[in-house]
Structures are given as C-alpha cells and as structure tokens.
Amino acid sequence: MPIRTIMVIVFAACLFVTASAPEAGVSEEAKVQAATAVLKEVMEIPESAIPPSLLGSAYGIAIFPDLLKAGFILGGRYGQGVLLVRSEGDRAWSNPVFFKLMGGSIGWQIGAQSSDIILVLKSIRSLDSITSGKFTLGVDASIAAGPVGRHAEAGTDVQLRAEILSYSRSRGLFLGLSLEGASMQVDYGANAAFYNVPGLLPMEIFRNRNLPAPPVSEELRRTLTHFSNS
C-alpha cells in the first residue's frame, strides 16, 4: 500500500478518535476557558515558562488545548484552538479567532496522547496568510522550538530567525517543539457560533474591539496582558 494512502488512513483514524473523545463537542466557550487555563498553568512555573520577554514583544499567540496526537508508525495531530493578535497602536490583545491545527508525522510511534500546544508569533508579516484560510507552519512562515524559563532567551540562530516559536506540554513536561508541516485552518463555524455572527471573517474579529463576545474572551485577554507585561 502506498505511503500516501497509509497516511490518509492513519490521519482519518486520528480524526475519528478525536470525534469520539470526551473533549469532542465541547462548546467554543469551554475551549477558550481551556486555553486560558493552559496559559496560566504554563506561565506560573518560572523554570519552564515561556520567557516573558518573548510574550512582551510578541505580535500574536495561538493556544491549542488538548491537541490529539495518534498513530501507528505513521501519525497525525488534530485539535482546535484560538489565535489572538496585538493591535499596532496600543498593543492591546484582540478577541480570539478559532483555528484548527492538523498535520501528520512519520516515525516509530504507537498509541495516542493529548498535548497542549502554544505558538508565539514574533512577526505579524504572515497574518494575512494565516487568516486567508490555510497556513502551513515551516512553509508559509519559519518555525522553531521555543526556549523555556523566565530567564531564557531565543539564543540560537534558528530561534532568532524564526517567525514563530512553538511549545508543547505533554505529561507534565513543557518543551519547545518543532511543528513544521502542520497546518492551521480558520474554523469559520466555531467563530460564527462563538460570536453569534454568521460569515464572520478573522480580520473583522481582530480589528473590531466592540464586537460582542462571551466573558471568557475578556478573561483570556486579561490573562495574556498580565503575563506579557510581567
């Protein structure tokens, strides 16, 4: 059987497991609450936190709680999360835009596990590509595993050049992780449901500060402001 066909089968199985998991079907508000909880838990452990200096200078952050990774030799990832960006003026955080993160991997692996993924956008250059529908990490923007610890800096050439720094938390460990080849896709259905506005576009969410949103959105923005100003 061709490798491409096997990867399609494995990824389809990954999606089936995701749809069958208890997390499936949770409301968009619950997903935003989970993103807030992930950020708090990660940042409150100084030795393994994202360096505050990185958050302070970041143009955006994406948080994908409970991203499922599953496979047998060939694997796949799938999950839903949110992306927030800063305004160019007062650097205030926007309301969240919902995205899906998905991608495959090849390697000797078996089983399934859930991970929390955080992406720190160092540059706003790729925002148009991200919001156009589908965005491939490592292709449409350079990506590297991010440094951890309050006193860490992006010291390697790869980290200094990267437009996006990526992190993963699995089984209690929070580490930099490369996600090259994974794709981010706008979840239009989730955005419409969360804001109760059919056909809502990502840039409308980012730019319209007066867009009515559930209270969990304000809590996430407040949490981000706190840690990015630490």
Protein backbone atom coordinates (compact mmCIF):
# COMPACT_ATOMS: atom_id res chain seq x y z
CA MET A 1 0.00 0.00 0.00
CA PRO A 2 1.46 3.43 -0.94
CA ILE A 3 2.78 5.57 1.92
CA ARG A 4 0.40 8.41 0.98
CA THR A 5 -2.60 6.09 1.29
CA ILE A 6 -1.41 4.81 4.67
CA MET A 7 -1.01 8.37 5.94
CA VAL A 8 -4.56 9.23 4.85
CA ILE A 9 -5.92 6.17 6.68
CA VAL A 10 -3.96 6.92 9.85
CA PHE A 11 -4.97 10.57 9.84
CA ALA A 12 -8.61 9.63 9.31
CA ALA A 13 -8.34 7.29 12.28
CA CYS A 14 -6.86 10.14 14.30
CA LEU A 15 -9.83 12.33 13.45
CA PHE A 16 -12.23 9.52 14.38
CA VAL A 17 -10.58 9.15 17.78
CA THR A 18 -10.84 12.90 18.28
CA ALA A 19 -14.53 12.88 17.44
CA SER A 20 -15.08 10.01 19.88
CA ALA A 21 -13.12 11.55 22.74
CA PRO A 22 -14.90 13.21 25.70
CA GLU A 23 -13.43 16.56 24.65
CA ALA A 24 -15.23 16.43 21.32
CA GLY A 25 -18.35 18.58 21.08
CA VAL A 26 -17.37 20.94 23.88
CA SER A 27 -18.56 24.47 23.36
CA GLU A 28 -16.34 27.21 21.98
CA GLU A 29 -16.55 28.94 25.36
CA ALA A 30 -15.11 25.85 27.04
CA LYS A 31 -12.26 25.83 24.54
CA VAL A 32 -11.41 29.46 25.36
CA GLN A 33 -11.56 28.63 29.08
CA ALA A 34 -9.20 25.71 28.47
CA ALA A 35 -6.80 27.98 26.57
CA THR A 36 -6.78 30.42 29.49
CA ALA A 37 -6.11 27.60 31.95
CA VAL A 38 -3.22 26.26 29.83
CA LEU A 39 -1.58 29.69 29.67
CA LYS A 40 -1.90 30.22 33.43
CA GLU A 41 -0.55 26.78 34.30
CA VAL A 42 2.42 27.12 31.96
CA MET A 43 3.38 30.67 32.96
CA GLU A 44 3.09 30.09 36.71
CA ILE A 45 6.05 27.67 36.70
CA PRO A 46 9.05 30.01 36.24
CA GLU A 47 11.61 27.35 35.29
CA SER A 48 9.51 26.06 32.40
CA ALA A 49 7.52 29.12 31.35
CA ILE A 50 7.64 30.98 28.07
CA PRO A 51 10.12 33.83 28.67
CA PRO A 52 8.02 36.93 29.49
CA SER A 53 10.27 38.98 27.20
CA LEU A 54 9.04 36.89 24.27
CA LEU A 55 5.40 37.39 25.20
CA GLY A 56 6.06 41.07 25.77
CA SER A 57 7.35 41.54 22.22
CA ALA A 58 5.05 39.01 20.53
CA TYR A 59 2.58 40.06 17.86
CA GLY A 60 0.32 37.09 18.42
CA ILE A 61 -0.22 33.86 20.31
CA ALA A 62 -2.11 30.69 19.41
CA ILE A 63 -3.15 28.18 22.07
CA PHE A 64 -4.39 24.68 21.21
CA PRO A 65 -5.51 22.81 24.35
CA ASP A 66 -5.76 19.02 24.26
CA LEU A 67 -4.40 18.54 20.77
CA LEU A 68 -4.63 14.84 19.96
CA LYS A 69 -1.64 13.01 18.55
CA ALA A 70 -2.26 9.41 17.47
CA GLY A 71 -0.68 6.87 15.19
CA PHE A 72 0.88 3.53 14.46
CA ILE A 73 4.31 4.12 12.83
CA LEU A 74 2.66 6.98 10.89
CA GLY A 75 0.89 9.58 12.96
CA GLY A 76 -1.34 12.61 12.88
CA ARG A 77 -2.26 15.59 15.02
CA TYR A 78 -5.61 17.32 15.29
CA GLY A 79 -7.10 19.93 17.58
CA GLN A 80 -8.95 23.20 17.90
CA GLY A 81 -7.65 26.36 19.50
CA VAL A 82 -7.58 30.15 19.33
CA LEU A 83 -5.31 32.85 17.97
CA LEU A 84 -5.08 36.38 19.37
CA VAL A 85 -3.02 39.25 17.96
CA ARG A 86 -1.99 42.68 19.18
CA SER A 87 -3.04 45.99 17.71
CA GLU A 88 -0.25 48.06 16.18
CA GLY A 89 -1.19 51.10 18.26
CA ASP A 90 -1.67 50.42 21.95
CA ARG A 91 -0.58 46.75 21.68
CA ALA A 92 -3.85 45.55 23.23
CA TRP A 93 -4.84 41.93 22.63
CA SER A 94 -7.66 41.14 20.24
CA ASN A 95 -10.61 38.83 20.70
CA PRO A 96 -9.83 35.18 19.90
CA VAL A 97 -10.20 33.67 16.45
CA PHE A 98 -10.79 29.91 16.28
CA PHE A 99 -8.45 27.70 14.26
CA LYS A 100 -7.86 24.01 13.66
CA LEU A 101 -4.33 22.60 13.82
CA MET A 102 -3.65 19.40 11.91
CA GLY A 103 -0.72 17.55 10.44
CA GLY A 104 0.98 14.21 10.01
CA SER A 105 4.33 12.79 11.02
CA ILE A 106 6.46 9.76 10.13
CA GLY A 107 8.40 7.85 12.74
CA TRP A 108 8.27 4.85 15.03
CA GLN A 109 5.31 5.70 17.22
CA ILE A 110 2.28 3.91 18.55
CA GLY A 111 -0.70 4.92 20.62
CA ALA A 112 -2.31 8.26 21.33
CA GLN A 113 -1.69 11.16 23.66
CA SER A 114 -3.02 14.65 24.27
CA SER A 115 -0.80 17.73 24.27
CA ASP A 116 -1.24 21.45 24.79
CA ILE A 117 0.36 23.50 22.00
CA ILE A 118 1.33 27.17 22.17
CA LEU A 119 2.62 29.16 19.19
CA VAL A 120 4.24 32.56 19.76
CA LEU A 121 4.18 34.78 16.66
CA LYS A 122 7.22 37.04 16.61
CA SER A 123 6.22 38.74 13.38
CA ILE A 124 2.93 40.00 12.00
CA ARG A 125 4.12 39.56 8.40
CA SER A 126 2.30 36.27 7.97
CA LEU A 127 -1.04 37.35 9.44
CA ASP A 128 -2.66 37.73 6.01
CA SER A 129 -1.58 34.21 5.10
CA ILE A 130 -2.82 32.81 8.40
CA THR A 131 -6.24 34.39 8.05
CA SER A 132 -6.66 33.51 4.36
CA GLY A 133 -7.86 30.02 5.24
CA LYS A 134 -4.99 27.54 5.36
CA PHE A 135 -1.49 28.20 6.68
CA THR A 136 1.38 25.66 6.76
CA LEU A 137 3.96 26.01 9.50
CA GLY A 138 7.51 25.95 8.18
CA VAL A 139 6.31 26.77 4.65
CA ASP A 140 4.32 29.99 4.95
CA ALA A 141 6.37 31.09 7.97
CA SER A 142 9.57 29.80 9.57
CA ILE A 143 9.09 27.98 12.86
CA ALA A 144 11.42 26.69 15.59
CA ALA A 145 11.19 25.15 19.04
CA GLY A 146 10.98 27.95 21.58
CA PRO A 147 13.21 28.46 24.65
CA VAL A 148 11.73 27.91 28.11
CA GLY A 149 12.33 29.51 31.51
CA ARG A 150 11.81 33.07 32.68
CA HIS A 151 15.46 33.96 32.10
CA ALA A 152 15.88 32.15 28.79
CA GLU A 153 16.33 33.98 25.55
CA ALA A 154 15.96 32.88 21.92
CA GLY A 155 19.70 32.39 21.65
CA THR A 156 20.25 30.13 18.65
CA ASP A 157 20.37 31.36 15.08
CA VAL A 158 17.33 29.24 14.23
CA GLN A 159 15.30 30.72 17.06
CA LEU A 160 16.40 34.25 16.28
CA ARG A 161 15.38 33.91 12.62
CA ALA A 162 12.12 32.06 13.23
CA GLU A 163 8.86 33.95 12.80
CA ILE A 164 7.02 31.54 15.09
CA LEU A 165 8.23 29.77 18.24
CA SER A 166 6.40 26.60 19.23
CA TYR A 167 5.85 24.85 22.55
CA SER A 168 4.22 21.63 23.69
CA ARG A 169 3.08 20.35 27.08
CA SER A 170 2.58 16.63 27.44
CA ARG A 171 2.53 14.52 30.61
CA GLY A 172 3.56 17.49 32.70
CA LEU A 173 6.57 18.48 30.56
CA PHE A 174 6.62 21.83 28.78
CA LEU A 175 9.17 21.95 25.97
CA GLY A 176 9.97 23.68 22.74
CA LEU A 177 8.68 21.63 19.82
CA SER A 178 9.02 21.94 16.06
CA LEU A 179 5.71 21.63 14.20
CA GLU A 180 6.96 22.02 10.63
CA GLY A 181 4.43 20.78 8.11
CA ALA A 182 1.39 21.14 10.37
CA SER A 183 -1.36 23.38 9.02
CA MET A 184 -3.61 25.94 10.65
CA GLN A 185 -7.07 26.43 9.18
CA VAL A 186 -9.64 29.04 10.14
CA ASP A 187 -12.62 27.43 11.88
CA TYR A 188 -15.38 29.59 10.42
CA GLY A 189 -18.15 27.57 12.06
CA ALA A 190 -16.67 27.97 15.54
CA ASN A 191 -16.16 31.71 15.03
CA ALA A 192 -19.76 32.16 13.88
CA ALA A 193 -21.07 30.16 16.85
CA PHE A 194 -18.90 31.94 19.45
CA TYR A 195 -19.75 35.48 18.28
CA ASN A 196 -23.23 34.60 17.01
CA VAL A 197 -22.45 36.30 13.68
CA PRO A 198 -22.73 34.13 10.53
CA GLY A 199 -19.96 34.60 7.96
CA LEU A 200 -17.67 36.46 10.36
CA LEU A 201 -14.13 36.85 8.98
CA PRO A 202 -10.94 36.60 11.10
CA MET A 203 -9.77 40.13 10.34
CA GLU A 204 -13.15 41.51 11.44
CA ILE A 205 -12.64 39.82 14.81
CA PHE A 206 -9.07 41.09 15.17
CA ARG A 207 -9.94 44.69 14.29
CA ASN A 208 -13.36 45.19 15.88
CA ARG A 209 -12.86 45.80 19.58
CA ASN A 210 -16.58 46.45 20.03
CA LEU A 211 -17.60 43.03 18.76
CA PRO A 212 -19.79 41.46 21.47
CA ALA A 213 -18.11 38.35 22.88
CA PRO A 214 -18.72 35.97 25.79
CA PRO A 215 -16.98 36.93 29.09
CA VAL A 216 -14.41 34.13 28.69
CA SER A 217 -12.86 36.16 25.88
CA GLU A 218 -12.11 39.06 28.22
CA GLU A 219 -10.61 36.67 30.79
CA LEU A 220 -8.20 35.28 28.20
CA ARG A 221 -7.17 38.76 27.06
CA ARG A 222 -6.68 39.85 30.67
CA THR A 223 -4.51 36.80 31.38
CA LEU A 224 -2.39 37.45 28.28
CA THR A 225 -1.96 41.11 29.21
CA HIS A 226 -0.81 40.12 32.70
CA PHE A 227 1.86 37.67 31.57
CA SER A 228 3.05 39.69 28.59
CA ASN A 229 3.66 42.69 30.88
CA SER A 230 5.45 40.70 33.62
